[in-house]
Amino acid sequence: QVQLVESGGGLVQAGGSLRLSCAPSGRTFTSYGMAWFRQAPGKEREFVATIRWSSGSTDYADSVKGRFTISRDSAKNTVYLQMNSLKPEDTAVYYCAARPNPTILFRRANEYNIWGQGTQVTVSS
């Protein structure tokens, strides 16, 4: 069974950095599109960033552009989300997601059919 396992969340002060990792298990994801979403208490899940594994092409939400970077390491079969200049409004549970054979970069959560359990990121002011 395919699983996504996130790690790297935690508590950080505003202006600090964290790096999230997403390690798929059960198969390699070199033909997949990978994404990060987040959900704050009382809010809907929102798109953060996506990467097409085969090409490395990326897309970001405007709210994180210039501060967050999504990347993948094929040797480690891992996707990363480097988060810099963190703000209190970045506080949320962050989820890794995957979908096979993307023809474009997708931003909608319902386009992804494999999800991780989430990792909490808390940014204090």
N, C-alpha and C. Protein backbone atom coordinates (compact mmCIF):
# COMPACT_ATOMS: atom_id res chain seq x y z
N GLN A 1 0.84 -1.18 0.00
CA GLN A 1 0.00 0.00 0.00
C GLN A 1 0.88 1.24 0.00
N VAL A 2 0.56 2.19 -0.88
CA VAL A 2 1.35 3.42 -0.98
C VAL A 2 1.03 4.33 0.20
N GLN A 3 2.07 4.86 0.81
CA GLN A 3 1.90 5.81 1.91
C GLN A 3 2.84 6.98 1.72
N LEU A 4 2.42 8.12 2.25
CA LEU A 4 3.27 9.30 2.30
C LEU A 4 3.51 9.62 3.77
N VAL A 5 4.75 9.79 4.14
CA VAL A 5 5.10 10.06 5.53
C VAL A 5 5.79 11.41 5.60
N GLU A 6 5.14 12.37 6.29
CA GLU A 6 5.71 13.71 6.44
C GLU A 6 6.50 13.78 7.74
N SER A 7 7.48 14.67 7.75
CA SER A 7 8.25 14.94 8.96
C SER A 7 8.82 16.34 8.85
N GLY A 8 9.32 16.85 9.98
CA GLY A 8 10.00 18.14 9.98
C GLY A 8 9.22 19.29 10.56
N GLY A 9 7.97 19.06 10.93
CA GLY A 9 7.20 20.13 11.53
C GLY A 9 7.70 20.46 12.93
N GLY A 10 7.17 21.56 13.47
CA GLY A 10 7.57 21.95 14.81
C GLY A 10 7.18 23.37 15.12
N LEU A 11 7.77 23.88 16.19
CA LEU A 11 7.51 25.26 16.65
C LEU A 11 8.71 26.12 16.30
N VAL A 12 8.44 27.27 15.70
CA VAL A 12 9.52 28.17 15.31
C VAL A 12 9.04 29.61 15.49
N GLN A 13 9.96 30.51 15.74
CA GLN A 13 9.61 31.91 15.87
C GLN A 13 9.43 32.55 14.49
N ALA A 14 8.65 33.60 14.45
CA ALA A 14 8.47 34.34 13.21
C ALA A 14 9.83 34.76 12.65
N GLY A 15 9.97 34.61 11.34
CA GLY A 15 11.23 34.91 10.70
C GLY A 15 12.15 33.71 10.57
N GLY A 16 11.82 32.62 11.27
CA GLY A 16 12.65 31.43 11.23
C GLY A 16 12.35 30.54 10.04
N SER A 17 13.00 29.37 10.03
CA SER A 17 12.89 28.43 8.92
C SER A 17 12.62 27.02 9.42
N LEU A 18 11.96 26.26 8.57
CA LEU A 18 11.76 24.83 8.78
C LEU A 18 11.84 24.14 7.43
N ARG A 19 12.23 22.86 7.45
CA ARG A 19 12.18 22.08 6.23
C ARG A 19 11.33 20.84 6.47
N LEU A 20 10.29 20.71 5.70
CA LEU A 20 9.42 19.54 5.76
C LEU A 20 9.89 18.51 4.74
N SER A 21 9.74 17.25 5.11
CA SER A 21 10.08 16.15 4.22
C SER A 21 8.86 15.27 4.00
N CYS A 22 8.78 14.70 2.81
CA CYS A 22 7.70 13.78 2.48
C CYS A 22 8.35 12.58 1.81
N ALA A 23 8.26 11.44 2.45
CA ALA A 23 8.91 10.24 1.95
C ALA A 23 7.86 9.21 1.56
N PRO A 24 7.60 9.06 0.28
CA PRO A 24 6.67 8.02 -0.15
C PRO A 24 7.23 6.63 0.11
N SER A 25 6.37 5.73 0.52
CA SER A 25 6.79 4.34 0.72
C SER A 25 5.91 3.44 -0.12
N GLY A 26 6.45 2.35 -0.50
CA GLY A 26 5.67 1.40 -1.28
C GLY A 26 5.93 1.47 -2.77
N ARG A 27 6.53 2.57 -3.24
CA ARG A 27 6.87 2.69 -4.64
C ARG A 27 7.68 3.96 -4.84
N THR A 28 8.28 4.11 -6.00
CA THR A 28 8.94 5.36 -6.36
C THR A 28 7.92 6.28 -7.04
N PHE A 29 8.14 7.57 -6.91
CA PHE A 29 7.16 8.54 -7.37
C PHE A 29 7.70 9.39 -8.52
N THR A 30 8.59 8.83 -9.32
CA THR A 30 9.24 9.61 -10.36
C THR A 30 8.31 9.99 -11.50
N SER A 31 7.13 9.40 -11.59
CA SER A 31 6.18 9.79 -12.61
C SER A 31 4.98 10.53 -12.01
N TYR A 32 5.12 10.99 -10.79
CA TYR A 32 4.01 11.61 -10.08
C TYR A 32 4.17 13.12 -9.98
N GLY A 33 3.04 13.76 -9.69
CA GLY A 33 3.04 15.14 -9.25
C GLY A 33 2.89 15.14 -7.74
N MET A 34 3.72 15.91 -7.07
CA MET A 34 3.72 15.98 -5.61
C MET A 34 3.34 17.39 -5.19
N ALA A 35 2.69 17.50 -4.05
CA ALA A 35 2.25 18.82 -3.61
C ALA A 35 2.23 18.90 -2.09
N TRP A 36 2.25 20.12 -1.62
CA TRP A 36 2.04 20.41 -0.21
C TRP A 36 0.79 21.27 -0.09
N PHE A 37 -0.05 20.90 0.85
CA PHE A 37 -1.22 21.69 1.23
C PHE A 37 -1.12 21.98 2.72
N ARG A 38 -1.92 22.91 3.17
CA ARG A 38 -1.97 23.18 4.61
C ARG A 38 -3.39 23.51 5.03
N GLN A 39 -3.65 23.26 6.30
CA GLN A 39 -4.97 23.54 6.85
C GLN A 39 -4.84 24.10 8.24
N ALA A 40 -5.29 25.33 8.42
CA ALA A 40 -5.30 25.98 9.73
C ALA A 40 -6.65 25.71 10.40
N PRO A 41 -6.69 25.79 11.72
CA PRO A 41 -7.95 25.54 12.45
C PRO A 41 -9.08 26.43 11.93
N GLY A 42 -10.21 25.81 11.63
CA GLY A 42 -11.37 26.56 11.17
C GLY A 42 -11.31 27.01 9.73
N LYS A 43 -10.28 26.61 9.01
CA LYS A 43 -10.15 27.03 7.61
C LYS A 43 -10.10 25.82 6.69
N GLU A 44 -10.35 26.06 5.43
CA GLU A 44 -10.27 25.00 4.44
C GLU A 44 -8.81 24.69 4.11
N ARG A 45 -8.61 23.46 3.62
CA ARG A 45 -7.27 23.08 3.18
C ARG A 45 -6.89 23.93 1.97
N GLU A 46 -5.67 24.45 1.97
CA GLU A 46 -5.26 25.32 0.89
C GLU A 46 -3.95 24.85 0.26
N PHE A 47 -3.84 25.12 -1.01
CA PHE A 47 -2.65 24.77 -1.79
C PHE A 47 -1.46 25.61 -1.35
N VAL A 48 -0.29 24.96 -1.28
CA VAL A 48 0.94 25.67 -0.94
C VAL A 48 1.92 25.63 -2.12
N ALA A 49 2.25 24.43 -2.57
CA ALA A 49 3.23 24.28 -3.64
C ALA A 49 3.10 22.91 -4.28
N THR A 50 3.54 22.82 -5.53
CA THR A 50 3.53 21.54 -6.22
C THR A 50 4.76 21.41 -7.11
N ILE A 51 5.16 20.18 -7.36
CA ILE A 51 6.30 19.90 -8.23
C ILE A 51 5.98 18.67 -9.07
N ARG A 52 6.35 18.74 -10.32
CA ARG A 52 6.22 17.59 -11.20
C ARG A 52 7.55 16.85 -11.16
N TRP A 53 7.51 15.64 -10.63
CA TRP A 53 8.76 14.96 -10.32
C TRP A 53 9.66 14.81 -11.54
N SER A 54 9.07 14.43 -12.67
CA SER A 54 9.89 14.12 -13.84
C SER A 54 10.63 15.34 -14.38
N SER A 55 9.98 16.49 -14.38
CA SER A 55 10.59 17.68 -14.98
C SER A 55 11.17 18.65 -13.96
N GLY A 56 10.68 18.55 -12.73
CA GLY A 56 11.11 19.50 -11.71
C GLY A 56 10.38 20.83 -11.77
N SER A 57 9.41 20.96 -12.66
CA SER A 57 8.65 22.21 -12.75
C SER A 57 7.81 22.40 -11.49
N THR A 58 7.65 23.65 -11.08
CA THR A 58 7.00 23.96 -9.82
C THR A 58 5.95 25.06 -9.96
N ASP A 59 5.10 25.14 -8.96
CA ASP A 59 4.10 26.20 -8.87
C ASP A 59 3.88 26.47 -7.40
N TYR A 60 3.61 27.75 -7.07
CA TYR A 60 3.45 28.15 -5.68
C TYR A 60 2.21 29.02 -5.49
N ALA A 61 1.64 28.93 -4.30
CA ALA A 61 0.61 29.89 -3.92
C ALA A 61 1.26 31.25 -3.75
N ASP A 62 0.51 32.28 -4.07
CA ASP A 62 1.06 33.64 -3.97
C ASP A 62 1.51 33.96 -2.55
N SER A 63 0.83 33.40 -1.56
CA SER A 63 1.13 33.70 -0.16
C SER A 63 2.49 33.18 0.29
N VAL A 64 3.06 32.24 -0.44
CA VAL A 64 4.34 31.66 -0.03
C VAL A 64 5.45 31.88 -1.06
N LYS A 65 5.09 32.43 -2.21
CA LYS A 65 6.07 32.62 -3.28
C LYS A 65 7.21 33.52 -2.79
N GLY A 66 8.43 33.07 -3.05
CA GLY A 66 9.60 33.82 -2.62
C GLY A 66 10.08 33.45 -1.22
N ARG A 67 9.26 32.72 -0.47
CA ARG A 67 9.65 32.30 0.88
C ARG A 67 9.80 30.79 0.99
N PHE A 68 8.97 30.05 0.26
CA PHE A 68 8.99 28.59 0.32
C PHE A 68 9.57 28.04 -0.98
N THR A 69 10.23 26.88 -0.86
CA THR A 69 10.77 26.20 -2.03
C THR A 69 10.45 24.72 -1.95
N ILE A 70 9.83 24.19 -2.99
CA ILE A 70 9.56 22.75 -3.08
C ILE A 70 10.63 22.13 -3.96
N SER A 71 11.11 20.96 -3.56
CA SER A 71 12.14 20.28 -4.33
C SER A 71 11.99 18.78 -4.14
N ARG A 72 12.69 18.02 -4.98
CA ARG A 72 12.67 16.57 -4.81
C ARG A 72 14.07 16.02 -4.99
N ASP A 73 14.32 14.91 -4.28
CA ASP A 73 15.59 14.21 -4.36
C ASP A 73 15.27 12.79 -4.81
N SER A 74 15.55 12.50 -6.07
CA SER A 74 15.19 11.19 -6.61
C SER A 74 15.98 10.06 -5.95
N ALA A 75 17.22 10.33 -5.58
CA ALA A 75 18.04 9.31 -4.95
C ALA A 75 17.45 8.89 -3.60
N LYS A 76 16.84 9.85 -2.91
CA LYS A 76 16.24 9.56 -1.61
C LYS A 76 14.73 9.37 -1.70
N ASN A 77 14.18 9.52 -2.90
CA ASN A 77 12.73 9.37 -3.10
C ASN A 77 11.96 10.23 -2.11
N THR A 78 12.39 11.48 -1.99
CA THR A 78 11.84 12.37 -0.98
C THR A 78 11.54 13.74 -1.60
N VAL A 79 10.44 14.33 -1.16
CA VAL A 79 10.08 15.68 -1.54
C VAL A 79 10.24 16.59 -0.32
N TYR A 80 10.72 17.79 -0.55
CA TYR A 80 10.97 18.73 0.54
C TYR A 80 10.17 20.01 0.34
N LEU A 81 9.89 20.66 1.46
CA LEU A 81 9.35 22.01 1.43
C LEU A 81 10.21 22.84 2.38
N GLN A 82 11.07 23.65 1.81
CA GLN A 82 11.90 24.56 2.60
C GLN A 82 11.10 25.83 2.85
N MET A 83 10.90 26.15 4.10
CA MET A 83 10.08 27.30 4.47
C MET A 83 10.95 28.32 5.20
N ASN A 84 11.12 29.48 4.61
CA ASN A 84 11.92 30.56 5.19
C ASN A 84 11.02 31.75 5.49
N SER A 85 11.54 32.65 6.31
CA SER A 85 10.80 33.87 6.67
C SER A 85 9.37 33.53 7.11
N LEU A 86 9.27 32.58 7.98
CA LEU A 86 7.95 32.11 8.41
C LEU A 86 7.18 33.19 9.17
N LYS A 87 5.88 33.18 8.98
CA LYS A 87 4.98 34.15 9.61
C LYS A 87 3.96 33.39 10.47
N PRO A 88 3.40 34.05 11.46
CA PRO A 88 2.36 33.38 12.27
C PRO A 88 1.22 32.83 11.42
N GLU A 89 0.89 33.47 10.33
CA GLU A 89 -0.20 33.00 9.48
C GLU A 89 0.16 31.75 8.70
N ASP A 90 1.41 31.31 8.77
CA ASP A 90 1.80 30.03 8.17
C ASP A 90 1.48 28.85 9.08
N THR A 91 1.05 29.14 10.29
CA THR A 91 0.70 28.09 11.23
C THR A 91 -0.44 27.23 10.70
N ALA A 92 -0.21 25.93 10.63
CA ALA A 92 -1.19 25.01 10.07
C ALA A 92 -0.66 23.59 10.16
N VAL A 93 -1.51 22.63 9.86
CA VAL A 93 -1.06 21.27 9.60
C VAL A 93 -0.73 21.19 8.12
N TYR A 94 0.46 20.73 7.82
CA TYR A 94 0.92 20.65 6.44
C TYR A 94 0.82 19.19 5.97
N TYR A 95 0.23 19.03 4.78
CA TYR A 95 0.01 17.71 4.21
C TYR A 95 0.76 17.56 2.90
N CYS A 96 1.36 16.40 2.72
CA CYS A 96 1.95 16.02 1.46
C CYS A 96 0.91 15.24 0.65
N ALA A 97 0.89 15.45 -0.66
CA ALA A 97 -0.07 14.77 -1.51
C ALA A 97 0.59 14.36 -2.82
N ALA A 98 0.00 13.36 -3.48
CA ALA A 98 0.57 12.88 -4.73
C ALA A 98 -0.53 12.45 -5.69
N ARG A 99 -0.23 12.55 -6.97
CA ARG A 99 -1.13 12.04 -7.99
C ARG A 99 -0.28 11.53 -9.13
N PRO A 100 -0.71 10.46 -9.80
CA PRO A 100 0.10 9.90 -10.88
C PRO A 100 -0.02 10.67 -12.18
N ASN A 101 1.08 10.66 -12.90
CA ASN A 101 1.11 11.12 -14.29
C ASN A 101 0.42 12.46 -14.55
N PRO A 102 0.83 13.50 -13.89
CA PRO A 102 0.19 14.79 -14.13
C PRO A 102 0.60 15.36 -15.48
N THR A 103 -0.37 15.92 -16.19
CA THR A 103 -0.05 16.57 -17.46
C THR A 103 0.23 18.06 -17.25
N ILE A 104 -0.31 18.58 -16.14
CA ILE A 104 -0.04 19.95 -15.76
C ILE A 104 0.21 19.98 -14.25
N LEU A 105 0.49 21.14 -13.71
CA LEU A 105 0.65 21.30 -12.27
C LEU A 105 -0.71 21.64 -11.68
N PHE A 106 -1.18 20.81 -10.75
CA PHE A 106 -2.51 20.97 -10.18
C PHE A 106 -2.46 21.67 -8.83
N ARG A 107 -3.44 22.54 -8.60
CA ARG A 107 -3.54 23.26 -7.33
C ARG A 107 -4.71 22.78 -6.48
N ARG A 108 -5.64 22.07 -7.04
CA ARG A 108 -6.83 21.68 -6.28
C ARG A 108 -6.58 20.38 -5.53
N ALA A 109 -7.02 20.34 -4.28
CA ALA A 109 -6.80 19.18 -3.43
C ALA A 109 -7.46 17.93 -4.02
N ASN A 110 -8.60 18.07 -4.68
CA ASN A 110 -9.31 16.89 -5.18
C ASN A 110 -8.64 16.28 -6.40
N GLU A 111 -7.57 16.90 -6.89
CA GLU A 111 -6.79 16.32 -7.98
C GLU A 111 -5.76 15.31 -7.47
N TYR A 112 -5.58 15.26 -6.17
CA TYR A 112 -4.57 14.37 -5.57
C TYR A 112 -5.27 13.23 -4.84
N ASN A 113 -4.80 12.02 -5.05
CA ASN A 113 -5.48 10.86 -4.48
C ASN A 113 -4.67 10.11 -3.44
N ILE A 114 -3.48 10.59 -3.13
CA ILE A 114 -2.67 9.97 -2.08
C ILE A 114 -2.25 11.08 -1.13
N TRP A 115 -2.49 10.86 0.17
CA TRP A 115 -2.24 11.89 1.17
C TRP A 115 -1.46 11.33 2.35
N GLY A 116 -0.64 12.19 2.95
CA GLY A 116 0.02 11.84 4.19
C GLY A 116 -0.85 12.20 5.38
N GLN A 117 -0.32 11.94 6.57
CA GLN A 117 -1.09 12.14 7.79
C GLN A 117 -0.99 13.57 8.29
N GLY A 118 -0.06 14.35 7.79
CA GLY A 118 0.09 15.73 8.18
C GLY A 118 1.13 15.93 9.26
N THR A 119 1.73 17.11 9.26
CA THR A 119 2.70 17.49 10.28
C THR A 119 2.41 18.94 10.70
N GLN A 120 2.43 19.18 12.01
CA GLN A 120 2.06 20.50 12.53
C GLN A 120 3.23 21.47 12.43
N VAL A 121 2.93 22.65 11.92
CA VAL A 121 3.88 23.76 11.90
C VAL A 121 3.25 24.91 12.67
N THR A 122 3.95 25.37 13.71
CA THR A 122 3.46 26.48 14.52
C THR A 122 4.50 27.59 14.52
N VAL A 123 4.08 28.78 14.13
CA VAL A 123 4.97 29.93 14.07
C VAL A 123 4.51 30.94 15.12
N SER A 124 5.37 31.21 16.08
CA SER A 124 5.01 32.14 17.14
C SER A 124 5.47 33.55 16.78
N SER A 125 4.72 34.52 17.28
CA SER A 125 5.04 35.92 16.96
C SER A 125 5.97 36.53 17.99
